[in-house]
Amino acid sequence: FACIFTLPPFLLTLTSYAFIIATI
């Protein structure tokens, strides 16, 4: 549960911010 509830959201967040930084 620690893996499921930290890694996927964290990776989704990193992906979102990678696109945000590229756009900025």
PDB file of all heavy atoms in Angstrom:
ATOM      1  N   PHE A   1       0.827  -1.204   0.000  1.00  0.00           N
ATOM      2  CA  PHE A   1       0.000   0.000   0.000  1.00  0.00           C
ATOM      3  C   PHE A   1       0.862   1.256   0.000  1.00  0.00           C
ATOM      4  O   PHE A   1       0.506   2.252  -0.643  1.00  0.00           O
ATOM      5  CB  PHE A   1      -0.942   0.014   1.202  1.00  0.00           C
ATOM      6  CG  PHE A   1      -2.197  -0.797   0.998  1.00  0.00           C
ATOM      7  CD1 PHE A   1      -2.517  -1.855   1.833  1.00  0.00           C
ATOM      8  CD2 PHE A   1      -3.060  -0.506  -0.040  1.00  0.00           C
ATOM      9  CE1 PHE A   1      -3.664  -2.603   1.646  1.00  0.00           C
ATOM     10  CE2 PHE A   1      -4.221  -1.247  -0.246  1.00  0.00           C
ATOM     11  CZ  PHE A   1      -4.516  -2.305   0.600  1.00  0.00           C
ATOM     12  N   ALA A   2       1.992   1.229   0.727  1.00  0.00           N
ATOM     13  CA  ALA A   2       2.901   2.377   0.737  1.00  0.00           C
ATOM     14  C   ALA A   2       3.423   2.648  -0.668  1.00  0.00           C
ATOM     15  O   ALA A   2       3.517   3.811  -1.102  1.00  0.00           O
ATOM     16  CB  ALA A   2       4.064   2.125   1.692  1.00  0.00           C
ATOM     17  N   CYS A   3       3.743   1.579  -1.404  1.00  0.00           N
ATOM     18  CA  CYS A   3       4.217   1.729  -2.783  1.00  0.00           C
ATOM     19  C   CYS A   3       3.113   2.254  -3.696  1.00  0.00           C
ATOM     20  O   CYS A   3       3.321   3.183  -4.483  1.00  0.00           O
ATOM     21  CB  CYS A   3       4.734   0.389  -3.322  1.00  0.00           C
ATOM     22  SG  CYS A   3       6.225  -0.210  -2.511  1.00  0.00           S
ATOM     23  N   ILE A   4       1.920   1.670  -3.568  1.00  0.00           N
ATOM     24  CA  ILE A   4       0.797   2.056  -4.433  1.00  0.00           C
ATOM     25  C   ILE A   4       0.357   3.493  -4.186  1.00  0.00           C
ATOM     26  O   ILE A   4       0.006   4.220  -5.128  1.00  0.00           O
ATOM     27  CB  ILE A   4      -0.397   1.092  -4.225  1.00  0.00           C
ATOM     28  CG1 ILE A   4      -0.049  -0.312  -4.741  1.00  0.00           C
ATOM     29  CG2 ILE A   4      -1.652   1.603  -4.938  1.00  0.00           C
ATOM     30  CD1 ILE A   4      -1.091  -1.355  -4.422  1.00  0.00           C
ATOM     31  N   PHE A   5       0.389   3.911  -2.921  1.00  0.00           N
ATOM     32  CA  PHE A   5      -0.147   5.226  -2.589  1.00  0.00           C
ATOM     33  C   PHE A   5       0.910   6.322  -2.508  1.00  0.00           C
ATOM     34  O   PHE A   5       0.588   7.447  -2.127  1.00  0.00           O
ATOM     35  CB  PHE A   5      -0.936   5.159  -1.273  1.00  0.00           C
ATOM     36  CG  PHE A   5      -2.338   4.662  -1.465  1.00  0.00           C
ATOM     37  CD1 PHE A   5      -2.595   3.312  -1.575  1.00  0.00           C
ATOM     38  CD2 PHE A   5      -3.396   5.544  -1.581  1.00  0.00           C
ATOM     39  CE1 PHE A   5      -3.882   2.844  -1.769  1.00  0.00           C
ATOM     40  CE2 PHE A   5      -4.683   5.088  -1.785  1.00  0.00           C
ATOM     41  CZ  PHE A   5      -4.932   3.735  -1.886  1.00  0.00           C
ATOM     42  N   THR A   6       2.148   6.021  -2.859  1.00  0.00           N
ATOM     43  CA  THR A   6       3.168   7.069  -2.923  1.00  0.00           C
ATOM     44  C   THR A   6       3.814   7.141  -4.307  1.00  0.00           C
ATOM     45  O   THR A   6       3.879   8.218  -4.900  1.00  0.00           O
ATOM     46  CB  THR A   6       4.266   6.859  -1.859  1.00  0.00           C
ATOM     47  OG1 THR A   6       4.797   5.530  -1.973  1.00  0.00           O
ATOM     48  CG2 THR A   6       3.723   7.089  -0.464  1.00  0.00           C
ATOM     49  N   LEU A   7       4.250   5.999  -4.837  1.00  0.00           N
ATOM     50  CA  LEU A   7       4.976   6.034  -6.112  1.00  0.00           C
ATOM     51  C   LEU A   7       4.122   6.484  -7.305  1.00  0.00           C
ATOM     52  O   LEU A   7       4.520   7.415  -8.017  1.00  0.00           O
ATOM     53  CB  LEU A   7       5.611   4.669  -6.385  1.00  0.00           C
ATOM     54  CG  LEU A   7       6.866   4.352  -5.565  1.00  0.00           C
ATOM     55  CD1 LEU A   7       7.365   2.940  -5.866  1.00  0.00           C
ATOM     56  CD2 LEU A   7       7.968   5.358  -5.842  1.00  0.00           C
ATOM     57  N   PRO A   8       2.933   5.872  -7.578  1.00  0.00           N
ATOM     58  CA  PRO A   8       2.155   6.340  -8.730  1.00  0.00           C
ATOM     59  C   PRO A   8       1.746   7.823  -8.648  1.00  0.00           C
ATOM     60  O   PRO A   8       1.939   8.549  -9.639  1.00  0.00           O
ATOM     61  CB  PRO A   8       0.919   5.414  -8.721  1.00  0.00           C
ATOM     62  CG  PRO A   8       1.387   4.181  -8.033  1.00  0.00           C
ATOM     63  CD  PRO A   8       2.327   4.668  -6.974  1.00  0.00           C
ATOM     64  N   PRO A   9       1.200   8.301  -7.511  1.00  0.00           N
ATOM     65  CA  PRO A   9       0.881   9.732  -7.448  1.00  0.00           C
ATOM     66  C   PRO A   9       2.116  10.618  -7.596  1.00  0.00           C
ATOM     67  O   PRO A   9       2.058  11.675  -8.227  1.00  0.00           O
ATOM     68  CB  PRO A   9       0.261   9.900  -6.051  1.00  0.00           C
ATOM     69  CG  PRO A   9      -0.160   8.557  -5.635  1.00  0.00           C
ATOM     70  CD  PRO A   9       0.792   7.608  -6.277  1.00  0.00           C
ATOM     71  N   PHE A  10       3.231  10.174  -6.997  1.00  0.00           N
ATOM     72  CA  PHE A  10       4.470  10.951  -7.089  1.00  0.00           C
ATOM     73  C   PHE A  10       4.957  11.017  -8.536  1.00  0.00           C
ATOM     74  O   PHE A  10       5.348  12.093  -9.020  1.00  0.00           O
ATOM     75  CB  PHE A  10       5.539  10.322  -6.197  1.00  0.00           C
ATOM     76  CG  PHE A  10       6.834  11.078  -6.167  1.00  0.00           C
ATOM     77  CD1 PHE A  10       6.864  12.412  -5.771  1.00  0.00           C
ATOM     78  CD2 PHE A  10       8.016  10.466  -6.530  1.00  0.00           C
ATOM     79  CE1 PHE A  10       8.053  13.124  -5.732  1.00  0.00           C
ATOM     80  CE2 PHE A  10       9.218  11.162  -6.507  1.00  0.00           C
ATOM     81  CZ  PHE A  10       9.235  12.495  -6.108  1.00  0.00           C
ATOM     82  N   LEU A  11       4.911   9.882  -9.245  1.00  0.00           N
ATOM     83  CA  LEU A  11       5.328   9.862 -10.645  1.00  0.00           C
ATOM     84  C   LEU A  11       4.387  10.687 -11.519  1.00  0.00           C
ATOM     85  O   LEU A  11       4.830  11.372 -12.451  1.00  0.00           O
ATOM     86  CB  LEU A  11       5.386   8.414 -11.151  1.00  0.00           C
ATOM     87  CG  LEU A  11       6.482   7.544 -10.540  1.00  0.00           C
ATOM     88  CD1 LEU A  11       6.347   6.093 -11.019  1.00  0.00           C
ATOM     89  CD2 LEU A  11       7.866   8.086 -10.884  1.00  0.00           C
ATOM     90  N   LEU A  12       3.086  10.630 -11.223  1.00  0.00           N
ATOM     91  CA  LEU A  12       2.116  11.447 -11.954  1.00  0.00           C
ATOM     92  C   LEU A  12       2.396  12.931 -11.741  1.00  0.00           C
ATOM     93  O   LEU A  12       2.334  13.735 -12.674  1.00  0.00           O
ATOM     94  CB  LEU A  12       0.691  11.110 -11.497  1.00  0.00           C
ATOM     95  CG  LEU A  12      -0.442  11.941 -12.112  1.00  0.00           C
ATOM     96  CD1 LEU A  12      -0.464  11.781 -13.626  1.00  0.00           C
ATOM     97  CD2 LEU A  12      -1.788  11.537 -11.519  1.00  0.00           C
ATOM     98  N   THR A  13       2.735  13.282 -10.500  1.00  0.00           N
ATOM     99  CA  THR A  13       3.053  14.675 -10.179  1.00  0.00           C
ATOM    100  C   THR A  13       4.314  15.124 -10.911  1.00  0.00           C
ATOM    101  O   THR A  13       4.357  16.223 -11.481  1.00  0.00           O
ATOM    102  CB  THR A  13       3.241  14.839  -8.656  1.00  0.00           C
ATOM    103  OG1 THR A  13       2.041  14.426  -7.997  1.00  0.00           O
ATOM    104  CG2 THR A  13       3.533  16.284  -8.292  1.00  0.00           C
ATOM    105  N   LEU A  14       5.354  14.278 -10.897  1.00  0.00           N
ATOM    106  CA  LEU A  14       6.594  14.620 -11.600  1.00  0.00           C
ATOM    107  C   LEU A  14       6.346  14.785 -13.096  1.00  0.00           C
ATOM    108  O   LEU A  14       6.878  15.711 -13.730  1.00  0.00           O
ATOM    109  CB  LEU A  14       7.642  13.533 -11.366  1.00  0.00           C
ATOM    110  CG  LEU A  14       8.282  13.464  -9.978  1.00  0.00           C
ATOM    111  CD1 LEU A  14       9.321  12.341  -9.933  1.00  0.00           C
ATOM    112  CD2 LEU A  14       8.945  14.794  -9.618  1.00  0.00           C
ATOM    113  N   THR A  15       5.522  13.897 -13.673  1.00  0.00           N
ATOM    114  CA  THR A  15       5.199  13.983 -15.098  1.00  0.00           C
ATOM    115  C   THR A  15       4.466  15.281 -15.407  1.00  0.00           C
ATOM    116  O   THR A  15       4.778  15.973 -16.393  1.00  0.00           O
ATOM    117  CB  THR A  15       4.338  12.783 -15.531  1.00  0.00           C
ATOM    118  OG1 THR A  15       5.019  11.567 -15.215  1.00  0.00           O
ATOM    119  CG2 THR A  15       4.040  12.833 -17.020  1.00  0.00           C
ATOM    120  N   SER A  16       3.494  15.628 -14.553  1.00  0.00           N
ATOM    121  CA  SER A  16       2.733  16.872 -14.744  1.00  0.00           C
ATOM    122  C   SER A  16       3.660  18.075 -14.724  1.00  0.00           C
ATOM    123  O   SER A  16       3.565  18.976 -15.577  1.00  0.00           O
ATOM    124  CB  SER A  16       1.668  17.017 -13.651  1.00  0.00           C
ATOM    125  OG  SER A  16       0.717  15.981 -13.724  1.00  0.00           O
ATOM    126  N   TYR A  17       4.592  18.089 -13.772  1.00  0.00           N
ATOM    127  CA  TYR A  17       5.485  19.235 -13.653  1.00  0.00           C
ATOM    128  C   TYR A  17       6.551  19.254 -14.743  1.00  0.00           C
ATOM    129  O   TYR A  17       7.050  20.326 -15.101  1.00  0.00           O
ATOM    130  CB  TYR A  17       6.110  19.283 -12.264  1.00  0.00           C
ATOM    131  CG  TYR A  17       5.185  19.971 -11.301  1.00  0.00           C
ATOM    132  CD1 TYR A  17       4.384  19.245 -10.432  1.00  0.00           C
ATOM    133  CD2 TYR A  17       5.055  21.356 -11.303  1.00  0.00           C
ATOM    134  CE1 TYR A  17       3.498  19.875  -9.581  1.00  0.00           C
ATOM    135  CE2 TYR A  17       4.179  21.999 -10.467  1.00  0.00           C
ATOM    136  CZ  TYR A  17       3.398  21.255  -9.602  1.00  0.00           C
ATOM    137  OH  TYR A  17       2.514  21.876  -8.765  1.00  0.00           O
ATOM    138  N   ALA A  18       6.896  18.105 -15.274  1.00  0.00           N
ATOM    139  CA  ALA A  18       7.815  18.077 -16.418  1.00  0.00           C
ATOM    140  C   ALA A  18       7.169  18.785 -17.612  1.00  0.00           C
ATOM    141  O   ALA A  18       7.815  19.601 -18.298  1.00  0.00           O
ATOM    142  CB  ALA A  18       8.174  16.638 -16.770  1.00  0.00           C
ATOM    143  N   PHE A  19       5.880  18.501 -17.859  1.00  0.00           N
ATOM    144  CA  PHE A  19       5.153  19.166 -18.938  1.00  0.00           C
ATOM    145  C   PHE A  19       4.959  20.655 -18.639  1.00  0.00           C
ATOM    146  O   PHE A  19       5.040  21.491 -19.541  1.00  0.00           O
ATOM    147  CB  PHE A  19       3.797  18.492 -19.159  1.00  0.00           C
ATOM    148  CG  PHE A  19       3.863  17.205 -19.925  1.00  0.00           C
ATOM    149  CD1 PHE A  19       3.600  15.991 -19.315  1.00  0.00           C
ATOM    150  CD2 PHE A  19       4.193  17.203 -21.278  1.00  0.00           C
ATOM    151  CE1 PHE A  19       3.673  14.798 -20.016  1.00  0.00           C
ATOM    152  CE2 PHE A  19       4.266  16.008 -21.997  1.00  0.00           C
ATOM    153  CZ  PHE A  19       4.009  14.810 -21.371  1.00  0.00           C
ATOM    154  N   ILE A  20       4.693  20.968 -17.371  1.00  0.00           N
ATOM    155  CA  ILE A  20       4.509  22.373 -16.980  1.00  0.00           C
ATOM    156  C   ILE A  20       5.782  23.173 -17.231  1.00  0.00           C
ATOM    157  O   ILE A  20       5.750  24.269 -17.811  1.00  0.00           O
ATOM    158  CB  ILE A  20       4.097  22.470 -15.490  1.00  0.00           C
ATOM    159  CG1 ILE A  20       2.658  21.977 -15.310  1.00  0.00           C
ATOM    160  CG2 ILE A  20       4.217  23.910 -14.993  1.00  0.00           C
ATOM    161  CD1 ILE A  20       2.237  21.833 -13.860  1.00  0.00           C
ATOM    162  N   ILE A  21       6.927  22.637 -16.808  1.00  0.00           N
ATOM    163  CA  ILE A  21       8.203  23.333 -16.987  1.00  0.00           C
ATOM    164  C   ILE A  21       8.522  23.506 -18.475  1.00  0.00           C
ATOM    165  O   ILE A  21       8.976  24.568 -18.914  1.00  0.00           O
ATOM    166  CB  ILE A  21       9.339  22.576 -16.263  1.00  0.00           C
ATOM    167  CG1 ILE A  21       9.140  22.671 -14.743  1.00  0.00           C
ATOM    168  CG2 ILE A  21      10.711  23.136 -16.646  1.00  0.00           C
ATOM    169  CD1 ILE A  21      10.035  21.768 -13.940  1.00  0.00           C
ATOM    170  N   ALA A  22       8.246  22.456 -19.250  1.00  0.00           N
ATOM    171  CA  ALA A  22       8.480  22.547 -20.699  1.00  0.00           C
ATOM    172  C   ALA A  22       7.621  23.645 -21.320  1.00  0.00           C
ATOM    173  O   ALA A  22       8.086  24.400 -22.194  1.00  0.00           O
ATOM    174  CB  ALA A  22       8.176  21.199 -21.358  1.00  0.00           C
ATOM    175  N   THR A  23       6.375  23.757 -20.859  1.00  0.00           N
ATOM    176  CA  THR A  23       5.470  24.799 -21.379  1.00  0.00           C
ATOM    177  C   THR A  23       5.946  26.180 -20.955  1.00  0.00           C
ATOM    178  O   THR A  23       5.942  27.129 -21.761  1.00  0.00           O
ATOM    179  CB  THR A  23       4.033  24.563 -20.861  1.00  0.00           C
ATOM    180  OG1 THR A  23       3.597  23.267 -21.255  1.00  0.00           O
ATOM    181  CG2 THR A  23       3.075  25.608 -21.416  1.00  0.00           C
ATOM    182  N   ILE A  24       6.362  26.314 -19.707  1.00  0.00           N
ATOM    183  CA  ILE A  24       6.811  27.610 -19.180  1.00  0.00           C
ATOM    184  C   ILE A  24       8.040  28.105 -19.934  1.00  0.00           C
ATOM    185  O   ILE A  24       8.167  29.301 -20.240  1.00  0.00           O
ATOM    186  CB  ILE A  24       7.103  27.503 -17.666  1.00  0.00           C
ATOM    187  CG1 ILE A  24       5.793  27.319 -16.891  1.00  0.00           C
ATOM    188  CG2 ILE A  24       7.827  28.752 -17.159  1.00  0.00           C
ATOM    189  CD1 ILE A  24       5.983  27.047 -15.413  1.00  0.00           C
TER     190      ILE A  24
END
